[in-house]
Amino acid sequence: MKKAILLAGLLALAPVAHAEVVTDTETSEPEISISHDGEATYYEYTINGQVREIKVVPKVGKPYYLVPADGSDEFIRADKSQLLIPKWVIFRW
């Protein structure tokens, strides 16, 4: 019985022991810069200094996203966001 309680306690603490520490140079949330021109509004999502996605909201029509193509500096059009940003709180104290 004591071994089972000890094992359960160790398993409960295992995720905390392997938690990833984010430094000031690495941010898990994107920086968003907003710009406007006569035709559309642009939301540029930057993570760790790299543009990860641009949301384009035209004055007429549906919003769309520009995401980097694999292995190049070009962007391709996508209908949905490619960013996966967790929005839940696991621990708070």
N, C-alpha and C. Protein backbone atom coordinates (compact mmCIF):
# COMPACT_ATOMS: atom_id res chain seq x y z
N MET A 1 0.82 -1.19 0.00
CA MET A 1 0.00 0.00 0.00
C MET A 1 0.86 1.26 0.00
N LYS A 2 1.94 1.26 0.81
CA LYS A 2 2.83 2.42 0.86
C LYS A 2 3.55 2.62 -0.47
N LYS A 3 3.90 1.50 -1.12
CA LYS A 3 4.57 1.61 -2.41
C LYS A 3 3.64 2.23 -3.45
N ALA A 4 2.37 1.90 -3.41
CA ALA A 4 1.40 2.46 -4.36
C ALA A 4 1.23 3.95 -4.14
N ILE A 5 1.20 4.39 -2.89
CA ILE A 5 1.06 5.81 -2.58
C ILE A 5 2.32 6.56 -3.01
N LEU A 6 3.49 5.98 -2.76
CA LEU A 6 4.75 6.59 -3.17
C LEU A 6 4.83 6.69 -4.68
N LEU A 7 4.44 5.65 -5.39
CA LEU A 7 4.45 5.66 -6.85
C LEU A 7 3.49 6.71 -7.40
N ALA A 8 2.31 6.81 -6.81
CA ALA A 8 1.33 7.81 -7.26
C ALA A 8 1.87 9.23 -7.03
N GLY A 9 2.54 9.44 -5.91
CA GLY A 9 3.13 10.75 -5.63
C GLY A 9 4.23 11.10 -6.61
N LEU A 10 5.08 10.14 -6.94
CA LEU A 10 6.15 10.39 -7.90
C LEU A 10 5.60 10.66 -9.30
N LEU A 11 4.58 9.93 -9.69
CA LEU A 11 3.97 10.16 -10.99
C LEU A 11 3.28 11.51 -11.07
N ALA A 12 2.73 11.97 -9.97
CA ALA A 12 2.07 13.28 -9.95
C ALA A 12 3.10 14.41 -10.07
N LEU A 13 4.30 14.22 -9.54
CA LEU A 13 5.33 15.25 -9.60
C LEU A 13 6.18 15.19 -10.86
N ALA A 14 6.10 14.13 -11.62
CA ALA A 14 6.93 13.97 -12.82
C ALA A 14 6.72 15.09 -13.84
N PRO A 15 5.49 15.51 -14.18
CA PRO A 15 5.35 16.60 -15.14
C PRO A 15 5.93 17.92 -14.65
N VAL A 16 5.90 18.16 -13.36
CA VAL A 16 6.45 19.39 -12.81
C VAL A 16 7.96 19.37 -12.91
N ALA A 17 8.56 18.23 -12.71
CA ALA A 17 10.01 18.12 -12.76
C ALA A 17 10.55 18.33 -14.17
N HIS A 18 9.76 18.03 -15.19
CA HIS A 18 10.21 18.15 -16.58
C HIS A 18 9.61 19.36 -17.27
N ALA A 19 9.12 20.34 -16.53
CA ALA A 19 8.52 21.53 -17.13
C ALA A 19 9.59 22.33 -17.86
N GLU A 20 9.21 22.88 -18.99
CA GLU A 20 10.14 23.67 -19.80
C GLU A 20 10.13 25.11 -19.31
N VAL A 21 11.31 25.67 -19.14
CA VAL A 21 11.44 27.04 -18.68
C VAL A 21 11.63 27.93 -19.90
N VAL A 22 10.79 28.94 -20.04
CA VAL A 22 10.88 29.87 -21.15
C VAL A 22 11.66 31.08 -20.69
N THR A 23 12.74 31.40 -21.41
CA THR A 23 13.57 32.54 -21.04
C THR A 23 13.00 33.80 -21.67
N ASP A 24 13.62 34.94 -21.36
CA ASP A 24 13.17 36.21 -21.92
C ASP A 24 13.35 36.27 -23.43
N THR A 25 14.35 35.56 -23.96
CA THR A 25 14.58 35.59 -25.39
C THR A 25 13.61 34.68 -26.14
N GLU A 26 13.04 33.71 -25.47
CA GLU A 26 12.05 32.82 -26.08
C GLU A 26 10.69 33.13 -25.48
N THR A 27 9.74 33.46 -26.32
CA THR A 27 8.39 33.69 -25.83
C THR A 27 7.47 32.67 -26.46
N SER A 28 6.52 32.21 -25.69
CA SER A 28 5.59 31.23 -26.22
C SER A 28 4.38 31.89 -26.86
N GLU A 29 4.18 33.17 -26.60
CA GLU A 29 3.08 33.89 -27.19
C GLU A 29 3.59 34.78 -28.32
N PRO A 30 2.82 34.89 -29.39
CA PRO A 30 3.30 35.72 -30.51
C PRO A 30 3.19 37.21 -30.20
N GLU A 31 4.08 37.97 -30.81
CA GLU A 31 3.97 39.42 -30.81
C GLU A 31 3.15 39.77 -32.04
N ILE A 32 2.18 40.64 -31.88
CA ILE A 32 1.28 40.97 -32.98
C ILE A 32 1.46 42.44 -33.33
N SER A 33 1.77 42.71 -34.60
CA SER A 33 1.82 44.08 -35.07
C SER A 33 0.72 44.27 -36.11
N ILE A 34 0.01 45.38 -36.00
CA ILE A 34 -1.14 45.65 -36.85
C ILE A 34 -0.81 46.83 -37.76
N SER A 35 -1.08 46.66 -39.06
CA SER A 35 -0.89 47.76 -40.00
C SER A 35 -2.10 47.84 -40.93
N HIS A 36 -2.32 49.04 -41.47
CA HIS A 36 -3.48 49.29 -42.32
C HIS A 36 -3.01 49.90 -43.64
N ASP A 37 -3.73 49.62 -44.67
CA ASP A 37 -3.61 50.37 -45.91
C ASP A 37 -5.03 50.60 -46.43
N GLY A 38 -5.18 51.14 -47.58
CA GLY A 38 -6.51 51.46 -48.08
C GLY A 38 -7.37 50.25 -48.35
N GLU A 39 -6.76 49.09 -48.54
CA GLU A 39 -7.49 47.90 -48.96
C GLU A 39 -7.76 46.90 -47.83
N ALA A 40 -6.85 46.84 -46.84
CA ALA A 40 -6.97 45.78 -45.83
C ALA A 40 -6.25 46.15 -44.54
N THR A 41 -6.49 45.33 -43.52
CA THR A 41 -5.76 45.41 -42.25
C THR A 41 -4.93 44.14 -42.12
N TYR A 42 -3.66 44.27 -41.70
CA TYR A 42 -2.74 43.15 -41.61
C TYR A 42 -2.33 42.94 -40.15
N TYR A 43 -2.44 41.71 -39.69
CA TYR A 43 -2.00 41.31 -38.35
C TYR A 43 -0.82 40.38 -38.53
N GLU A 44 0.37 40.83 -38.16
CA GLU A 44 1.59 40.04 -38.35
C GLU A 44 1.97 39.38 -37.02
N TYR A 45 1.97 38.06 -37.01
CA TYR A 45 2.28 37.28 -35.81
C TYR A 45 3.75 36.85 -35.87
N THR A 46 4.54 37.32 -34.90
CA THR A 46 5.97 37.03 -34.85
C THR A 46 6.27 36.27 -33.57
N ILE A 47 6.99 35.15 -33.70
CA ILE A 47 7.43 34.36 -32.55
C ILE A 47 8.93 34.17 -32.66
N ASN A 48 9.65 34.57 -31.61
CA ASN A 48 11.11 34.46 -31.56
C ASN A 48 11.77 35.13 -32.76
N GLY A 49 11.25 36.27 -33.17
CA GLY A 49 11.85 37.03 -34.26
C GLY A 49 11.50 36.55 -35.66
N GLN A 50 10.69 35.53 -35.80
CA GLN A 50 10.32 35.00 -37.11
C GLN A 50 8.83 35.24 -37.35
N VAL A 51 8.50 35.71 -38.54
CA VAL A 51 7.10 35.88 -38.91
C VAL A 51 6.51 34.50 -39.13
N ARG A 52 5.50 34.17 -38.35
CA ARG A 52 4.90 32.84 -38.43
C ARG A 52 3.61 32.84 -39.23
N GLU A 53 2.97 34.03 -39.30
CA GLU A 53 1.69 34.08 -39.98
C GLU A 53 1.27 35.54 -40.13
N ILE A 54 0.55 35.85 -41.21
CA ILE A 54 -0.02 37.17 -41.40
C ILE A 54 -1.50 36.98 -41.68
N LYS A 55 -2.32 37.61 -40.86
CA LYS A 55 -3.76 37.57 -41.08
C LYS A 55 -4.14 38.81 -41.87
N VAL A 56 -4.83 38.61 -42.98
CA VAL A 56 -5.24 39.71 -43.84
C VAL A 56 -6.76 39.83 -43.75
N VAL A 57 -7.22 41.01 -43.35
CA VAL A 57 -8.66 41.27 -43.25
C VAL A 57 -8.99 42.36 -44.28
N PRO A 58 -9.45 41.96 -45.47
CA PRO A 58 -9.78 42.97 -46.49
C PRO A 58 -11.06 43.71 -46.13
N LYS A 59 -11.20 44.91 -46.68
CA LYS A 59 -12.43 45.67 -46.43
C LYS A 59 -13.64 44.96 -47.03
N VAL A 60 -13.45 44.28 -48.13
CA VAL A 60 -14.52 43.51 -48.78
C VAL A 60 -14.03 42.07 -48.91
N GLY A 61 -14.80 41.13 -48.42
CA GLY A 61 -14.43 39.72 -48.53
C GLY A 61 -14.05 39.10 -47.20
N LYS A 62 -13.74 37.81 -47.26
CA LYS A 62 -13.39 37.05 -46.06
C LYS A 62 -11.93 37.25 -45.68
N PRO A 63 -11.64 37.21 -44.37
CA PRO A 63 -10.23 37.22 -43.94
C PRO A 63 -9.52 35.94 -44.37
N TYR A 64 -8.22 36.05 -44.58
CA TYR A 64 -7.40 34.89 -44.92
C TYR A 64 -6.03 35.06 -44.28
N TYR A 65 -5.23 34.00 -44.33
CA TYR A 65 -3.92 33.98 -43.69
C TYR A 65 -2.84 33.74 -44.73
N LEU A 66 -1.69 34.36 -44.51
CA LEU A 66 -0.50 34.09 -45.30
C LEU A 66 0.50 33.40 -44.37
N VAL A 67 0.91 32.20 -44.74
CA VAL A 67 1.84 31.42 -43.91
C VAL A 67 3.09 31.12 -44.72
N PRO A 68 4.27 31.04 -44.08
CA PRO A 68 5.50 30.76 -44.82
C PRO A 68 5.45 29.39 -45.49
N ALA A 69 5.89 29.34 -46.73
CA ALA A 69 6.02 28.07 -47.43
C ALA A 69 7.25 27.34 -46.88
N ASP A 70 7.22 26.04 -46.89
CA ASP A 70 8.33 25.25 -46.34
C ASP A 70 9.63 25.53 -47.09
N GLY A 71 10.67 25.90 -46.35
CA GLY A 71 12.01 26.04 -46.90
C GLY A 71 12.24 27.28 -47.74
N SER A 72 11.34 28.26 -47.71
CA SER A 72 11.57 29.47 -48.49
C SER A 72 11.03 30.67 -47.74
N ASP A 73 11.31 31.86 -48.28
CA ASP A 73 10.82 33.10 -47.67
C ASP A 73 9.49 33.54 -48.27
N GLU A 74 8.90 32.73 -49.10
CA GLU A 74 7.63 33.06 -49.72
C GLU A 74 6.47 32.66 -48.82
N PHE A 75 5.35 33.31 -49.01
CA PHE A 75 4.15 33.02 -48.23
C PHE A 75 3.08 32.42 -49.14
N ILE A 76 2.32 31.49 -48.58
CA ILE A 76 1.20 30.90 -49.30
C ILE A 76 -0.09 31.23 -48.56
N ARG A 77 -1.19 31.21 -49.29
CA ARG A 77 -2.48 31.58 -48.71
C ARG A 77 -3.14 30.38 -48.04
N ALA A 78 -3.75 30.61 -46.89
CA ALA A 78 -4.48 29.57 -46.16
C ALA A 78 -5.79 30.16 -45.64
N ASP A 79 -6.80 29.32 -45.52
CA ASP A 79 -8.09 29.79 -45.04
C ASP A 79 -8.19 29.80 -43.52
N LYS A 80 -7.36 28.98 -42.85
CA LYS A 80 -7.39 28.88 -41.40
C LYS A 80 -6.02 29.19 -40.82
N SER A 81 -6.01 29.59 -39.56
CA SER A 81 -4.77 29.89 -38.87
C SER A 81 -3.95 28.61 -38.67
N GLN A 82 -2.64 28.73 -38.80
CA GLN A 82 -1.74 27.59 -38.60
C GLN A 82 -1.11 27.59 -37.21
N LEU A 83 -1.30 28.68 -36.45
CA LEU A 83 -0.70 28.77 -35.12
C LEU A 83 -1.49 27.97 -34.11
N LEU A 84 -0.78 27.23 -33.30
CA LEU A 84 -1.40 26.49 -32.21
C LEU A 84 -0.86 27.07 -30.91
N ILE A 85 -1.67 27.91 -30.30
CA ILE A 85 -1.25 28.58 -29.06
C ILE A 85 -2.16 28.12 -27.94
N PRO A 86 -1.61 27.45 -26.93
CA PRO A 86 -2.45 27.01 -25.82
C PRO A 86 -3.03 28.20 -25.07
N LYS A 87 -4.29 28.09 -24.70
CA LYS A 87 -4.97 29.18 -24.04
C LYS A 87 -5.56 28.76 -22.70
N TRP A 88 -5.05 27.70 -22.11
CA TRP A 88 -5.58 27.24 -20.84
C TRP A 88 -4.51 27.36 -19.75
N VAL A 89 -4.96 27.39 -18.51
CA VAL A 89 -4.07 27.47 -17.37
C VAL A 89 -4.00 26.09 -16.73
N ILE A 90 -2.79 25.55 -16.59
CA ILE A 90 -2.63 24.23 -15.98
C ILE A 90 -2.45 24.37 -14.47
N PHE A 91 -1.53 25.23 -14.06
CA PHE A 91 -1.28 25.48 -12.63
C PHE A 91 -1.32 26.97 -12.37
N ARG A 92 -1.81 27.35 -11.21
CA ARG A 92 -1.76 28.75 -10.79
C ARG A 92 -1.59 28.75 -9.29
N TRP A 93 -0.63 29.54 -8.81
CA TRP A 93 -0.45 29.68 -7.37
C TRP A 93 0.05 31.05 -7.05
